[in-house]
N, C-alpha and C. Protein backbone atom coordinates (compact mmCIF):
# COMPACT_ATOMS: atom_id res chain seq x y z
N UNK A 1 0.73 -1.89 0.51
CA UNK A 1 0.30 -0.30 0.06
C UNK A 1 1.42 1.15 -0.14
N UNK A 2 1.99 0.94 0.80
CA UNK A 2 2.50 2.17 0.66
C UNK A 2 3.52 2.15 -0.24
N UNK A 3 3.61 1.68 -0.82
CA UNK A 3 4.54 1.60 -2.59
C UNK A 3 4.15 2.45 -3.38
N UNK A 4 1.81 1.82 -3.48
CA UNK A 4 1.68 2.96 -4.48
C UNK A 4 2.08 4.15 -4.41
N UNK A 5 1.42 3.99 -3.12
CA UNK A 5 1.08 5.37 -2.18
C UNK A 5 1.87 6.81 -2.41
N UNK A 6 3.56 6.38 -2.97
CA UNK A 6 4.68 6.67 -2.92
C UNK A 6 4.85 7.01 -4.58
N UNK A 7 3.98 6.09 -5.58
CA UNK A 7 3.46 6.39 -7.09
C UNK A 7 3.27 6.79 -7.06
N UNK A 8 2.51 7.45 -6.26
CA UNK A 8 1.26 8.48 -6.78
C UNK A 8 1.64 10.34 -6.81
N UNK A 9 2.08 10.11 -5.68
CA UNK A 9 2.65 10.95 -4.62
C UNK A 9 3.90 11.75 -5.63
N UNK A 10 5.10 11.09 -6.45
CA UNK A 10 6.19 10.56 -6.83
C UNK A 10 5.78 11.01 -8.26
N UNK A 11 4.11 10.94 -8.73
CA UNK A 11 4.14 11.99 -10.28
C UNK A 11 4.40 13.30 -10.56
N UNK A 12 4.62 13.57 -11.75
CA UNK A 12 4.71 14.38 -11.59
C UNK A 12 2.68 15.27 -11.62
N UNK A 13 2.41 16.50 -11.92
CA UNK A 13 1.38 16.74 -11.59
C UNK A 13 0.35 16.14 -12.83
N UNK A 14 1.34 16.70 -14.21
CA UNK A 14 0.82 16.58 -16.03
C UNK A 14 0.45 15.22 -15.34
N UNK A 15 1.50 13.75 -14.97
CA UNK A 15 1.35 12.99 -14.98
C UNK A 15 -0.61 12.02 -14.52
N UNK A 16 0.21 13.00 -13.02
CA UNK A 16 -1.29 12.26 -11.94
C UNK A 16 -2.16 12.99 -12.41
N UNK A 17 -2.64 13.80 -12.88
CA UNK A 17 -3.99 14.66 -13.64
C UNK A 17 -4.09 13.37 -14.82
N UNK A 18 -3.01 13.40 -16.04
CA UNK A 18 -3.81 12.34 -16.88
C UNK A 18 -4.04 10.97 -16.01
N UNK A 19 -4.02 10.06 -15.04
CA UNK A 19 -4.44 9.85 -14.84
C UNK A 19 -5.80 9.65 -13.77
N UNK A 20 -6.47 11.22 -12.58
CA UNK A 20 -7.31 11.37 -12.36
C UNK A 20 -8.16 11.29 -13.62
N UNK A 21 -7.84 12.12 -14.28
CA UNK A 21 -8.80 12.44 -15.65
C UNK A 21 -9.56 10.82 -15.79
N UNK A 22 -8.67 9.58 -16.05
CA UNK A 22 -8.50 8.37 -16.59
C UNK A 22 -9.41 7.32 -15.64
N UNK A 23 -9.48 7.84 -14.12
CA UNK A 23 -9.42 7.73 -13.21
C UNK A 23 -10.82 7.46 -12.77
N UNK A 24 -12.23 9.32 -13.43
CA UNK A 24 -12.40 9.61 -12.96
C UNK A 24 -14.16 9.32 -13.93
N UNK A 25 -13.71 9.05 -15.73
CA UNK A 25 -13.94 8.53 -16.00
C UNK A 25 -14.43 6.64 -16.01
N UNK A 26 -13.32 6.03 -15.82
CA UNK A 26 -13.99 4.29 -13.94
C UNK A 26 -14.97 4.93 -13.63
N UNK A 27 -14.24 6.10 -13.15
CA UNK A 27 -15.28 5.86 -11.82
C UNK A 27 -16.51 6.00 -11.69
N UNK A 28 -16.89 7.59 -12.93
CA UNK A 28 -18.24 7.13 -13.91
C UNK A 28 -19.01 6.29 -14.11
N UNK A 29 -17.98 5.77 -15.10
CA UNK A 29 -18.59 4.78 -15.78
C UNK A 29 -19.30 2.92 -14.27
N UNK A 30 -18.66 3.12 -13.91
CA UNK A 30 -19.10 2.25 -12.19
C UNK A 30 -19.52 2.99 -11.97
N UNK A 31 -20.37 4.22 -11.62
CA UNK A 31 -21.64 4.70 -10.70
C UNK A 31 -21.21 4.56 -9.22
N UNK A 32 -19.23 5.58 -9.64
CA UNK A 32 -19.20 4.34 -8.05
C UNK A 32 -19.58 6.23 -7.76
N UNK A 33 -20.07 7.21 -5.87
CA UNK A 33 -19.90 7.54 -4.56
C UNK A 33 -19.77 8.81 -6.23
N UNK A 34 -20.92 9.80 -6.26
CA UNK A 34 -20.90 11.06 -6.31
C UNK A 34 -20.27 12.13 -6.27
N UNK A 35 -19.32 12.23 -4.01
CA UNK A 35 -18.35 12.09 -3.99
C UNK A 35 -17.81 12.55 -3.46
N UNK A 36 -16.60 10.70 -4.02
CA UNK A 36 -15.15 9.86 -5.23
C UNK A 36 -15.02 11.34 -6.38
N UNK A 37 -16.14 11.34 -6.71
CA UNK A 37 -16.24 11.70 -8.24
C UNK A 37 -16.25 13.58 -8.34
N UNK A 38 -16.62 14.03 -7.28
CA UNK A 38 -16.32 15.21 -7.10
C UNK A 38 -15.54 15.28 -6.02
N UNK A 39 -14.44 14.58 -6.07
CA UNK A 39 -13.48 15.48 -4.85
C UNK A 39 -11.61 15.12 -5.62
N UNK A 40 -12.76 14.06 -6.90
CA UNK A 40 -11.45 13.71 -7.92
C UNK A 40 -11.37 15.20 -8.66
N UNK A 41 -12.00 15.82 -9.32
CA UNK A 41 -12.65 16.63 -9.48
C UNK A 41 -11.61 17.97 -8.96
N UNK A 42 -11.84 17.88 -7.55
CA UNK A 42 -11.23 18.80 -7.04
C UNK A 42 -9.78 18.88 -7.38
N UNK A 43 -9.95 17.46 -7.64
CA UNK A 43 -7.87 17.36 -7.03
C UNK A 43 -8.04 17.61 -6.06
N UNK A 44 -8.31 16.95 -5.22
CA UNK A 44 -8.93 15.83 -4.10
C UNK A 44 -7.82 14.47 -3.65
N UNK A 45 -7.05 13.41 -4.70
CA UNK A 45 -7.19 12.57 -4.35
C UNK A 45 -6.23 11.77 -3.13
N UNK A 46 -5.62 12.60 -2.58
CA UNK A 46 -5.55 11.75 -1.93
C UNK A 46 -6.55 12.17 0.01
N UNK A 47 -7.77 12.92 -0.47
CA UNK A 47 -8.48 11.72 -0.09
C UNK A 47 -9.07 10.61 0.71
N UNK A 48 -9.67 10.18 1.62
CA UNK A 48 -9.12 8.44 2.51
C UNK A 48 -10.72 8.80 1.10
N UNK A 49 -11.68 9.07 0.94
CA UNK A 49 -12.77 8.64 0.50
C UNK A 49 -12.98 8.27 -1.05
N UNK A 50 -11.15 9.26 -1.74
CA UNK A 50 -10.71 8.79 -3.11
C UNK A 50 -9.12 8.04 -2.61
N UNK A 51 -8.89 8.19 -2.14
CA UNK A 51 -6.96 7.71 -2.08
C UNK A 51 -7.20 6.41 -2.06
N UNK A 52 -8.65 4.76 -1.48
CA UNK A 52 -8.20 3.96 -1.34
C UNK A 52 -8.49 2.70 -3.46
N UNK A 53 -9.52 3.55 -3.56
CA UNK A 53 -9.91 3.43 -4.97
C UNK A 53 -9.21 3.50 -5.99
N UNK A 54 -8.32 5.42 -5.80
CA UNK A 54 -6.71 5.45 -7.12
C UNK A 54 -6.56 4.31 -6.78
N UNK A 55 -5.79 4.16 -5.76
CA UNK A 55 -4.58 3.28 -5.51
C UNK A 55 -5.23 1.86 -6.08
N UNK A 56 -6.60 0.88 -5.61
CA UNK A 56 -6.66 -0.25 -6.47
C UNK A 56 -7.00 0.33 -8.07
N UNK A 57 -7.56 1.21 -8.20
CA UNK A 57 -7.40 1.15 -9.15
C UNK A 57 -5.50 1.78 -10.29
N UNK A 58 -5.16 2.14 -10.03
CA UNK A 58 -3.40 2.52 -10.64
C UNK A 58 -3.46 0.81 -10.70
N UNK A 59 -3.44 0.52 -9.79
CA UNK A 59 -2.93 -1.02 -8.95
C UNK A 59 -3.11 -1.88 -10.53
N UNK A 60 -4.42 -1.86 -10.75
CA UNK A 60 -4.87 -2.38 -11.83
C UNK A 60 -4.21 -2.59 -12.89
N UNK A 61 -4.56 -0.91 -13.35
CA UNK A 61 -3.73 -0.69 -14.28
C UNK A 61 -2.27 -0.81 -14.53
N UNK A 62 -1.24 -0.72 -13.70
CA UNK A 62 0.04 -1.36 -13.75
C UNK A 62 0.71 -2.28 -13.34
N UNK A 63 -0.14 -3.08 -13.02
CA UNK A 63 0.19 -4.29 -11.84
C UNK A 63 -0.12 -5.66 -13.64
N UNK A 64 -2.21 -5.67 -13.98
CA UNK A 64 -2.76 -6.26 -14.69
C UNK A 64 -3.01 -6.88 -13.42
N UNK A 65 -4.11 -6.82 -13.35
CA UNK A 65 -3.85 -8.15 -11.80
C UNK A 65 -4.68 -7.06 -10.99
N UNK A 66 -5.74 -7.14 -10.26
CA UNK A 66 -6.54 -7.11 -8.39
C UNK A 66 -5.65 -6.97 -7.47
N UNK A 67 -5.62 -6.25 -6.71
CA UNK A 67 -5.69 -5.68 -5.90
C UNK A 67 -5.35 -6.88 -4.75
N UNK A 68 -6.17 -7.41 -4.66
CA UNK A 68 -6.47 -8.69 -3.52
C UNK A 68 -5.33 -9.94 -4.10
N UNK A 69 -5.24 -10.61 -5.68
CA UNK A 69 -4.46 -11.19 -5.82
C UNK A 69 -3.61 -11.31 -5.36
N UNK A 70 -2.88 -10.86 -5.53
CA UNK A 70 -1.51 -10.07 -5.90
C UNK A 70 -0.26 -9.66 -4.14
N UNK A 71 -0.76 -9.57 -3.55
CA UNK A 71 -1.41 -9.12 -2.58
C UNK A 71 -0.49 -10.70 -2.02
N UNK A 72 0.83 -10.54 -1.09
CA UNK A 72 1.04 -12.40 -0.74
C UNK A 72 0.55 -12.73 0.96
């Protein structure tokens, strides 16, 4: 978990913004809670409401597996 959070924090603002746009599209399609989408739109990705969801999304995107499937 700390590894993924570190990767997200280390991203340039440009790369992170692109990831957030991609996540927002996913969240809308997946019918995530509207408050999650609002926080993403405001750039509040470190919010407890968003961060866990964003880490799962980023894990799946970069590791091509589900979060729990790759956990030891």
